Amino acid sequence: MPITQTQRRHLRKLAHHLKPVVIVGGAGLTPAVLEEIDGRLAHHELIKVRVNAADREERQAMIERIAEATGADWVLSIGHVAAFYRPAEKPGIVLP
């Protein structure tokens, strides 16, 4: 079930102070990077990922691919950093 705008605003507030836990480098979105993002989402629920892409369109495509491959909701992106949310089996984040 997709998150609502109210929930997205709440998650943006929570993600503001987070630091990127995964960095997508020059090799792009390899299966290993996607697996790492998936594992971090399973553990933390809400994460930031730094996407180092040359242009805006390529960066946006990578962000959409991460969301699709991991089943996460894309919460925000500022510059090269994007935040993703996927509820855990036992959620630690309570959404409004």
PDB file of N, CA and C in Angstrom:
ATOM      1  N   MET A   1       0.842  -1.177   0.000  1.00  0.00           N
ATOM      2  CA  MET A   1       0.000   0.000   0.000  1.00  0.00           C
ATOM      3  C   MET A   1       0.887   1.241   0.000  1.00  0.00           C
ATOM      4  N   PRO A   2       0.684   2.132  -0.958  1.00  0.00           N
ATOM      5  CA  PRO A   2       1.525   3.333  -1.016  1.00  0.00           C
ATOM      6  C   PRO A   2       1.274   4.254   0.179  1.00  0.00           C
ATOM      7  N   ILE A   3       2.285   5.032   0.517  1.00  0.00           N
ATOM      8  CA  ILE A   3       2.159   5.943   1.649  1.00  0.00           C
ATOM      9  C   ILE A   3       1.431   7.214   1.219  1.00  0.00           C
ATOM     10  N   THR A   4       0.758   7.853   2.169  1.00  0.00           N
ATOM     11  CA  THR A   4       0.011   9.077   1.893  1.00  0.00           C
ATOM     12  C   THR A   4       0.947  10.277   1.977  1.00  0.00           C
ATOM     13  N   GLN A   5       0.455  11.438   1.558  1.00  0.00           N
ATOM     14  CA  GLN A   5       1.251  12.659   1.627  1.00  0.00           C
ATOM     15  C   GLN A   5       1.589  13.016   3.076  1.00  0.00           C
ATOM     16  N   THR A   6       0.663  12.806   3.988  1.00  0.00           N
ATOM     17  CA  THR A   6       0.924  13.075   5.407  1.00  0.00           C
ATOM     18  C   THR A   6       2.036  12.176   5.922  1.00  0.00           C
ATOM     19  N   GLN A   7       1.984  10.907   5.565  1.00  0.00           N
ATOM     20  CA  GLN A   7       3.021   9.972   5.978  1.00  0.00           C
ATOM     21  C   GLN A   7       4.358  10.336   5.341  1.00  0.00           C
ATOM     22  N   ARG A   8       4.341  10.770   4.070  1.00  0.00           N
ATOM     23  CA  ARG A   8       5.566  11.159   3.387  1.00  0.00           C
ATOM     24  C   ARG A   8       6.212  12.365   4.086  1.00  0.00           C
ATOM     25  N   ARG A   9       5.395  13.356   4.498  1.00  0.00           N
ATOM     26  CA  ARG A   9       5.931  14.519   5.213  1.00  0.00           C
ATOM     27  C   ARG A   9       6.561  14.096   6.537  1.00  0.00           C
ATOM     28  N   HIS A  10       5.903  13.174   7.241  1.00  0.00           N
ATOM     29  CA  HIS A  10       6.432  12.671   8.510  1.00  0.00           C
ATOM     30  C   HIS A  10       7.778  11.968   8.286  1.00  0.00           C
ATOM     31  N   LEU A  11       7.858  11.153   7.249  1.00  0.00           N
ATOM     32  CA  LEU A  11       9.100  10.432   6.953  1.00  0.00           C
ATOM     33  C   LEU A  11      10.212  11.387   6.528  1.00  0.00           C
ATOM     34  N   ARG A  12       9.873  12.457   5.818  1.00  0.00           N
ATOM     35  CA  ARG A  12      10.881  13.453   5.437  1.00  0.00           C
ATOM     36  C   ARG A  12      11.493  14.092   6.673  1.00  0.00           C
ATOM     37  N   LYS A  13      10.651  14.384   7.660  1.00  0.00           N
ATOM     38  CA  LYS A  13      11.155  14.960   8.911  1.00  0.00           C
ATOM     39  C   LYS A  13      12.103  13.988   9.600  1.00  0.00           C
ATOM     40  N   LEU A  14      11.741  12.716   9.617  1.00  0.00           N
ATOM     41  CA  LEU A  14      12.592  11.712  10.261  1.00  0.00           C
ATOM     42  C   LEU A  14      13.896  11.499   9.492  1.00  0.00           C
ATOM     43  N   ALA A  15      13.838  11.605   8.170  1.00  0.00           N
ATOM     44  CA  ALA A  15      15.020  11.340   7.336  1.00  0.00           C
ATOM     45  C   ALA A  15      15.988  12.514   7.310  1.00  0.00           C
ATOM     46  N   HIS A  16      15.531  13.676   7.703  1.00  0.00           N
ATOM     47  CA  HIS A  16      16.348  14.877   7.583  1.00  0.00           C
ATOM     48  C   HIS A  16      17.726  14.734   8.236  1.00  0.00           C
ATOM     49  N   HIS A  17      17.783  14.182   9.432  1.00  0.00           N
ATOM     50  CA  HIS A  17      19.055  14.099  10.155  1.00  0.00           C
ATOM     51  C   HIS A  17      19.894  12.871   9.800  1.00  0.00           C
ATOM     52  N   LEU A  18      19.357  11.958   8.993  1.00  0.00           N
ATOM     53  CA  LEU A  18      20.087  10.738   8.645  1.00  0.00           C
ATOM     54  C   LEU A  18      21.232  11.024   7.681  1.00  0.00           C
ATOM     55  N   LYS A  19      22.231  10.192   7.736  1.00  0.00           N
ATOM     56  CA  LYS A  19      23.345  10.240   6.788  1.00  0.00           C
ATOM     57  C   LYS A  19      23.183   9.070   5.814  1.00  0.00           C
ATOM     58  N   PRO A  20      23.671   9.196   4.581  1.00  0.00           N
ATOM     59  CA  PRO A  20      23.569   8.090   3.619  1.00  0.00           C
ATOM     60  C   PRO A  20      24.283   6.841   4.136  1.00  0.00           C
ATOM     61  N   VAL A  21      23.590   5.704   4.052  1.00  0.00           N
ATOM     62  CA  VAL A  21      24.179   4.442   4.511  1.00  0.00           C
ATOM     63  C   VAL A  21      24.717   3.611   3.352  1.00  0.00           C
ATOM     64  N   VAL A  22      24.311   3.942   2.135  1.00  0.00           N
ATOM     65  CA  VAL A  22      24.803   3.256   0.941  1.00  0.00           C
ATOM     66  C   VAL A  22      25.146   4.323  -0.093  1.00  0.00           C
ATOM     67  N   ILE A  23      26.251   4.121  -0.797  1.00  0.00           N
ATOM     68  CA  ILE A  23      26.663   5.050  -1.854  1.00  0.00           C
ATOM     69  C   ILE A  23      26.749   4.269  -3.164  1.00  0.00           C
ATOM     70  N   VAL A  24      26.006   4.731  -4.161  1.00  0.00           N
ATOM     71  CA  VAL A  24      26.054   4.134  -5.486  1.00  0.00           C
ATOM     72  C   VAL A  24      27.173   4.838  -6.237  1.00  0.00           C
ATOM     73  N   GLY A  25      28.232   4.103  -6.547  1.00  0.00           N
ATOM     74  CA  GLY A  25      29.419   4.693  -7.156  1.00  0.00           C
ATOM     75  C   GLY A  25      29.414   4.630  -8.663  1.00  0.00           C
ATOM     76  N   GLY A  26      30.604   4.650  -9.208  1.00  0.00           N
ATOM     77  CA  GLY A  26      30.789   4.684 -10.651  1.00  0.00           C
ATOM     78  C   GLY A  26      30.307   3.440 -11.376  1.00  0.00           C
ATOM     79  N   ALA A  27      30.259   2.307 -10.697  1.00  0.00           N
ATOM     80  CA  ALA A  27      29.796   1.069 -11.325  1.00  0.00           C
ATOM     81  C   ALA A  27      28.281   1.032 -11.466  1.00  0.00           C
ATOM     82  N   GLY A  28      27.581   1.968 -10.849  1.00  0.00           N
ATOM     83  CA  GLY A  28      26.122   2.024 -10.965  1.00  0.00           C
ATOM     84  C   GLY A  28      25.426   1.062 -10.024  1.00  0.00           C
ATOM     85  N   LEU A  29      24.207   0.724 -10.385  1.00  0.00           N
ATOM     86  CA  LEU A  29      23.389  -0.156  -9.550  1.00  0.00           C
ATOM     87  C   LEU A  29      23.664  -1.617  -9.884  1.00  0.00           C
ATOM     88  N   THR A  30      24.649  -2.166  -9.244  1.00  0.00           N
ATOM     89  CA  THR A  30      24.970  -3.575  -9.428  1.00  0.00           C
ATOM     90  C   THR A  30      24.057  -4.398  -8.523  1.00  0.00           C
ATOM     91  N   PRO A  31      23.944  -5.693  -8.779  1.00  0.00           N
ATOM     92  CA  PRO A  31      23.136  -6.541  -7.892  1.00  0.00           C
ATOM     93  C   PRO A  31      23.617  -6.485  -6.437  1.00  0.00           C
ATOM     94  N   ALA A  32      24.912  -6.355  -6.232  1.00  0.00           N
ATOM     95  CA  ALA A  32      25.447  -6.278  -4.868  1.00  0.00           C
ATOM     96  C   ALA A  32      24.982  -5.001  -4.162  1.00  0.00           C
ATOM     97  N   VAL A  33      24.948  -3.889  -4.891  1.00  0.00           N
ATOM     98  CA  VAL A  33      24.492  -2.628  -4.301  1.00  0.00           C
ATOM     99  C   VAL A  33      23.004  -2.723  -3.958  1.00  0.00           C
ATOM    100  N   LEU A  34      22.211  -3.289  -4.871  1.00  0.00           N
ATOM    101  CA  LEU A  34      20.776  -3.444  -4.597  1.00  0.00           C
ATOM    102  C   LEU A  34      20.534  -4.364  -3.408  1.00  0.00           C
ATOM    103  N   GLU A  35      21.355  -5.401  -3.284  1.00  0.00           N
ATOM    104  CA  GLU A  35      21.242  -6.318  -2.145  1.00  0.00           C
ATOM    105  C   GLU A  35      21.582  -5.602  -0.838  1.00  0.00           C
ATOM    106  N   GLU A  36      22.587  -4.757  -0.866  1.00  0.00           N
ATOM    107  CA  GLU A  36      22.973  -3.983   0.316  1.00  0.00           C
ATOM    108  C   GLU A  36      21.857  -3.008   0.718  1.00  0.00           C
ATOM    109  N   ILE A  37      21.275  -2.334  -0.258  1.00  0.00           N
ATOM    110  CA  ILE A  37      20.170  -1.413   0.019  1.00  0.00           C
ATOM    111  C   ILE A  37      18.995  -2.178   0.612  1.00  0.00           C
ATOM    112  N   ASP A  38      18.701  -3.346   0.048  1.00  0.00           N
ATOM    113  CA  ASP A  38      17.602  -4.172   0.552  1.00  0.00           C
ATOM    114  C   ASP A  38      17.843  -4.585   1.997  1.00  0.00           C
ATOM    115  N   GLY A  39      19.068  -4.981   2.307  1.00  0.00           N
ATOM    116  CA  GLY A  39      19.407  -5.370   3.680  1.00  0.00           C
ATOM    117  C   GLY A  39      19.311  -4.215   4.657  1.00  0.00           C
ATOM    118  N   ARG A  40      19.772  -3.043   4.235  1.00  0.00           N
ATOM    119  CA  ARG A  40      19.690  -1.855   5.097  1.00  0.00           C
ATOM    120  C   ARG A  40      18.242  -1.458   5.343  1.00  0.00           C
ATOM    121  N   LEU A  41      17.389  -1.569   4.313  1.00  0.00           N
ATOM    122  CA  LEU A  41      15.971  -1.259   4.491  1.00  0.00           C
ATOM    123  C   LEU A  41      15.308  -2.235   5.459  1.00  0.00           C
ATOM    124  N   ALA A  42      15.685  -3.495   5.384  1.00  0.00           N
ATOM    125  CA  ALA A  42      15.124  -4.498   6.282  1.00  0.00           C
ATOM    126  C   ALA A  42      15.483  -4.195   7.732  1.00  0.00           C
ATOM    127  N   HIS A  43      16.668  -3.646   7.929  1.00  0.00           N
ATOM    128  CA  HIS A  43      17.129  -3.362   9.290  1.00  0.00           C
ATOM    129  C   HIS A  43      16.672  -2.006   9.802  1.00  0.00           C
ATOM    130  N   HIS A  44      16.722  -0.977   8.956  1.00  0.00           N
ATOM    131  CA  HIS A  44      16.474   0.394   9.413  1.00  0.00           C
ATOM    132  C   HIS A  44      15.108   0.955   9.029  1.00  0.00           C
ATOM    133  N   GLU A  45      14.433   0.426   8.038  1.00  0.00           N
ATOM    134  CA  GLU A  45      13.155   0.900   7.503  1.00  0.00           C
ATOM    135  C   GLU A  45      13.279   2.186   6.691  1.00  0.00           C
ATOM    136  N   LEU A  46      13.996   3.173   7.200  1.00  0.00           N
ATOM    137  CA  LEU A  46      14.148   4.464   6.542  1.00  0.00           C
ATOM    138  C   LEU A  46      15.639   4.737   6.361  1.00  0.00           C
ATOM    139  N   ILE A  47      16.074   4.872   5.104  1.00  0.00           N
ATOM    140  CA  ILE A  47      17.496   5.083   4.839  1.00  0.00           C
ATOM    141  C   ILE A  47      17.689   6.169   3.791  1.00  0.00           C
ATOM    142  N   LYS A  48      18.906   6.694   3.767  1.00  0.00           N
ATOM    143  CA  LYS A  48      19.323   7.599   2.700  1.00  0.00           C
ATOM    144  C   LYS A  48      20.379   6.892   1.865  1.00  0.00           C
ATOM    145  N   VAL A  49      20.322   7.138   0.554  1.00  0.00           N
ATOM    146  CA  VAL A  49      21.275   6.565  -0.390  1.00  0.00           C
ATOM    147  C   VAL A  49      21.859   7.705  -1.211  1.00  0.00           C
ATOM    148  N   ARG A  50      23.175   7.726  -1.349  1.00  0.00           N
ATOM    149  CA  ARG A  50      23.820   8.730  -2.196  1.00  0.00           C
ATOM    150  C   ARG A  50      24.001   8.116  -3.577  1.00  0.00           C
ATOM    151  N   VAL A  51      23.437   8.775  -4.582  1.00  0.00           N
ATOM    152  CA  VAL A  51      23.484   8.285  -5.958  1.00  0.00           C
ATOM    153  C   VAL A  51      24.398   9.205  -6.757  1.00  0.00           C
ATOM    154  N   ASN A  52      25.585   8.730  -7.069  1.00  0.00           N
ATOM    155  CA  ASN A  52      26.556   9.516  -7.831  1.00  0.00           C
ATOM    156  C   ASN A  52      26.371   9.224  -9.317  1.00  0.00           C
ATOM    157  N   ALA A  53      25.523  10.013  -9.949  1.00  0.00           N
ATOM    158  CA  ALA A  53      25.288   9.879 -11.384  1.00  0.00           C
ATOM    159  C   ALA A  53      25.669  11.188 -12.060  1.00  0.00           C
ATOM    160  N   ALA A  54      26.054  11.091 -13.318  1.00  0.00           N
ATOM    161  CA  ALA A  54      26.544  12.266 -14.035  1.00  0.00           C
ATOM    162  C   ALA A  54      25.469  13.320 -14.270  1.00  0.00           C
ATOM    163  N   ASP A  55      24.280  12.882 -14.664  1.00  0.00           N
ATOM    164  CA  ASP A  55      23.238  13.869 -14.949  1.00  0.00           C
ATOM    165  C   ASP A  55      21.945  13.547 -14.197  1.00  0.00           C
ATOM    166  N   ARG A  56      21.052  14.503 -14.207  1.00  0.00           N
ATOM    167  CA  ARG A  56      19.807  14.414 -13.442  1.00  0.00           C
ATOM    168  C   ARG A  56      18.915  13.264 -13.907  1.00  0.00           C
ATOM    169  N   GLU A  57      18.808  13.045 -15.207  1.00  0.00           N
ATOM    170  CA  GLU A  57      17.951  11.981 -15.733  1.00  0.00           C
ATOM    171  C   GLU A  57      18.456  10.603 -15.316  1.00  0.00           C
ATOM    172  N   GLU A  58      19.768  10.418 -15.375  1.00  0.00           N
ATOM    173  CA  GLU A  58      20.364   9.140 -14.972  1.00  0.00           C
ATOM    174  C   GLU A  58      20.160   8.903 -13.476  1.00  0.00           C
ATOM    175  N   ARG A  59      20.325   9.957 -12.685  1.00  0.00           N
ATOM    176  CA  ARG A  59      20.125   9.856 -11.237  1.00  0.00           C
ATOM    177  C   ARG A  59      18.672   9.501 -10.924  1.00  0.00           C
ATOM    178  N   GLN A  60      17.722  10.148 -11.610  1.00  0.00           N
ATOM    179  CA  GLN A  60      16.311   9.862 -11.395  1.00  0.00           C
ATOM    180  C   GLN A  60      15.975   8.424 -11.782  1.00  0.00           C
ATOM    181  N   ALA A  61      16.546   7.941 -12.869  1.00  0.00           N
ATOM    182  CA  ALA A  61      16.319   6.561 -13.298  1.00  0.00           C
ATOM    183  C   ALA A  61      16.833   5.571 -12.251  1.00  0.00           C
ATOM    184  N   MET A  62      17.997   5.861 -11.663  1.00  0.00           N
ATOM    185  CA  MET A  62      18.548   4.989 -10.625  1.00  0.00           C
ATOM    186  C   MET A  62      17.655   4.994  -9.385  1.00  0.00           C
ATOM    187  N   ILE A  63      17.153   6.162  -9.002  1.00  0.00           N
ATOM    188  CA  ILE A  63      16.273   6.260  -7.828  1.00  0.00           C
ATOM    189  C   ILE A  63      15.008   5.441  -8.049  1.00  0.00           C
ATOM    190  N   GLU A  64      14.418   5.556  -9.219  1.00  0.00           N
ATOM    191  CA  GLU A  64      13.213   4.790  -9.529  1.00  0.00           C
ATOM    192  C   GLU A  64      13.501   3.292  -9.559  1.00  0.00           C
ATOM    193  N   ARG A  65      14.663   2.920 -10.071  1.00  0.00           N
ATOM    194  CA  ARG A  65      15.036   1.496 -10.122  1.00  0.00           C
ATOM    195  C   ARG A  65      15.250   0.930  -8.717  1.00  0.00           C
ATOM    196  N   ILE A  66      15.854   1.723  -7.822  1.00  0.00           N
ATOM    197  CA  ILE A  66      16.039   1.286  -6.440  1.00  0.00           C
ATOM    198  C   ILE A  66      14.686   1.047  -5.786  1.00  0.00           C
ATOM    199  N   ALA A  67      13.770   1.994  -5.946  1.00  0.00           N
ATOM    200  CA  ALA A  67      12.440   1.853  -5.347  1.00  0.00           C
ATOM    201  C   ALA A  67      11.720   0.623  -5.883  1.00  0.00           C
ATOM    202  N   GLU A  68      11.809   0.393  -7.176  1.00  0.00           N
ATOM    203  CA  GLU A  68      11.143  -0.748  -7.792  1.00  0.00           C
ATOM    204  C   GLU A  68      11.771  -2.073  -7.365  1.00  0.00           C
ATOM    205  N   ALA A  69      13.095  -2.137  -7.365  1.00  0.00           N
ATOM    206  CA  ALA A  69      13.795  -3.384  -7.055  1.00  0.00           C
ATOM    207  C   ALA A  69      13.660  -3.787  -5.590  1.00  0.00           C
ATOM    208  N   THR A  70      13.544  -2.808  -4.694  1.00  0.00           N
ATOM    209  CA  THR A  70      13.483  -3.120  -3.265  1.00  0.00           C
ATOM    210  C   THR A  70      12.065  -3.110  -2.703  1.00  0.00           C
ATOM    211  N   GLY A  71      11.112  -2.607  -3.482  1.00  0.00           N
ATOM    212  CA  GLY A  71       9.741  -2.511  -2.984  1.00  0.00           C
ATOM    213  C   GLY A  71       9.573  -1.397  -1.975  1.00  0.00           C
ATOM    214  N   ALA A  72      10.477  -0.416  -2.020  1.00  0.00           N
ATOM    215  CA  ALA A  72      10.447   0.691  -1.069  1.00  0.00           C
ATOM    216  C   ALA A  72       9.737   1.897  -1.673  1.00  0.00           C
ATOM    217  N   ASP A  73       9.283   2.780  -0.800  1.00  0.00           N
ATOM    218  CA  ASP A  73       8.702   4.046  -1.229  1.00  0.00           C
ATOM    219  C   ASP A  73       9.802   5.094  -1.244  1.00  0.00           C
ATOM    220  N   TRP A  74       9.850   5.867  -2.306  1.00  0.00           N
ATOM    221  CA  TRP A  74      10.800   6.960  -2.434  1.00  0.00           C
ATOM    222  C   TRP A  74      10.220   8.136  -1.674  1.00  0.00           C
ATOM    223  N   VAL A  75      10.907   8.585  -0.631  1.00  0.00           N
ATOM    224  CA  VAL A  75      10.401   9.625   0.260  1.00  0.00           C
ATOM    225  C   VAL A  75      10.834  11.004  -0.202  1.00  0.00           C
ATOM    226  N   LEU A  76      12.111  11.168  -0.520  1.00  0.00           N
ATOM    227  CA  LEU A  76      12.610  12.473  -0.943  1.00  0.00           C
ATOM    228  C   LEU A  76      13.917  12.323  -1.675  1.00  0.00           C
ATOM    229  N   SER A  77      14.274  13.359  -2.419  1.00  0.00           N
ATOM    230  CA  SER A  77      15.612  13.433  -2.993  1.00  0.00           C
ATOM    231  C   SER A  77      16.022  14.892  -3.031  1.00  0.00           C
ATOM    232  N   ILE A  78      17.237  15.119  -2.595  1.00  0.00           N
ATOM    233  CA  ILE A  78      17.845  16.447  -2.612  1.00  0.00           C
ATOM    234  C   ILE A  78      19.237  16.270  -3.186  1.00  0.00           C
ATOM    235  N   GLY A  79      19.444  16.827  -4.369  1.00  0.00           N
ATOM    236  CA  GLY A  79      20.735  16.667  -5.015  1.00  0.00           C
ATOM    237  C   GLY A  79      21.010  15.210  -5.335  1.00  0.00           C
ATOM    238  N   HIS A  80      22.105  14.703  -4.813  1.00  0.00           N
ATOM    239  CA  HIS A  80      22.511  13.318  -5.071  1.00  0.00           C
ATOM    240  C   HIS A  80      22.031  12.346  -4.001  1.00  0.00           C
ATOM    241  N   VAL A  81      21.258  12.809  -3.048  1.00  0.00           N
ATOM    242  CA  VAL A  81      20.827  11.965  -1.932  1.00  0.00           C
ATOM    243  C   VAL A  81      19.319  11.718  -2.018  1.00  0.00           C
ATOM    244  N   ALA A  82      18.930  10.454  -1.852  1.00  0.00           N
ATOM    245  CA  ALA A  82      17.520  10.074  -1.865  1.00  0.00           C
ATOM    246  C   ALA A  82      17.221   9.255  -0.616  1.00  0.00           C
ATOM    247  N   ALA A  83      16.004   9.384  -0.109  1.00  0.00           N
ATOM    248  CA  ALA A  83      15.581   8.613   1.067  1.00  0.00           C
ATOM    249  C   ALA A  83      14.492   7.634   0.643  1.00  0.00           C
ATOM    250  N   PHE A  84      14.552   6.432   1.224  1.00  0.00           N
ATOM    251  CA  PHE A  84      13.595   5.368   0.917  1.00  0.00           C
ATOM    252  C   PHE A  84      13.037   4.798   2.215  1.00  0.00           C
ATOM    253  N   TYR A  85      11.770   4.374   2.146  1.00  0.00           N
ATOM    254  CA  TYR A  85      11.111   3.782   3.315  1.00  0.00           C
ATOM    255  C   TYR A  85      10.445   2.482   2.899  1.00  0.00           C
ATOM    256  N   ARG A  86      10.652   1.462   3.718  1.00  0.00           N
ATOM    257  CA  ARG A  86       9.944   0.196   3.567  1.00  0.00           C
ATOM    258  C   ARG A  86       9.684  -0.342   4.963  1.00  0.00           C
ATOM    259  N   PRO A  87       8.414  -0.544   5.323  1.00  0.00           N
ATOM    260  CA  PRO A  87       8.127  -1.018   6.684  1.00  0.00           C
ATOM    261  C   PRO A  87       8.715  -2.410   6.930  1.00  0.00           C
ATOM    262  N   ALA A  88       9.178  -2.600   8.149  1.00  0.00           N
ATOM    263  CA  ALA A  88       9.724  -3.895   8.552  1.00  0.00           C
ATOM    264  C   ALA A  88       8.590  -4.820   8.968  1.00  0.00           C
ATOM    265  N   GLU A  89       8.917  -6.095   9.222  1.00  0.00           N
ATOM    266  CA  GLU A  89       7.904  -7.028   9.697  1.00  0.00           C
ATOM    267  C   GLU A  89       7.335  -6.557  11.023  1.00  0.00           C
ATOM    268  N   LYS A  90       8.210  -6.035  11.890  1.00  0.00           N
ATOM    269  CA  LYS A  90       7.786  -5.415  13.139  1.00  0.00           C
ATOM    270  C   LYS A  90       8.199  -3.958  13.049  1.00  0.00           C
ATOM    271  N   PRO A  91       7.304  -3.086  12.517  1.00  0.00           N
ATOM    272  CA  PRO A  91       7.697  -1.687  12.272  1.00  0.00           C
ATOM    273  C   PRO A  91       8.139  -0.952  13.530  1.00  0.00           C
ATOM    274  N   GLY A  92       9.229  -0.201  13.399  1.00  0.00           N
ATOM    275  CA  GLY A  92       9.718   0.633  14.471  1.00  0.00           C
ATOM    276  C   GLY A  92       9.279   2.067  14.295  1.00  0.00           C
ATOM    277  N   ILE A  93       8.915   2.422  13.075  1.00  0.00           N
ATOM    278  CA  ILE A  93       8.443   3.769  12.769  1.00  0.00           C
ATOM    279  C   ILE A  93       6.917   3.738  12.711  1.00  0.00           C
ATOM    280  N   VAL A  94       6.297   4.585  13.517  1.00  0.00           N
ATOM    281  CA  VAL A  94       4.844   4.671  13.532  1.00  0.00           C
ATOM    282  C   VAL A  94       4.424   5.803  12.615  1.00  0.00           C
ATOM    283  N   LEU A  95       3.638   5.476  11.597  1.00  0.00           N
ATOM    284  CA  LEU A  95       3.185   6.491  10.649  1.00  0.00           C
ATOM    285  C   LEU A  95       1.831   7.059  11.087  1.00  0.00           C
ATOM    286  N   PRO A  96       1.642   8.358  10.851  1.00  0.00           N
ATOM    287  CA  PRO A  96       0.348   8.968  11.220  1.00  0.00           C
ATOM    288  C   PRO A  96      -0.782   8.483  10.344  1.00  0.00           C
TER     289      PRO A  96
END
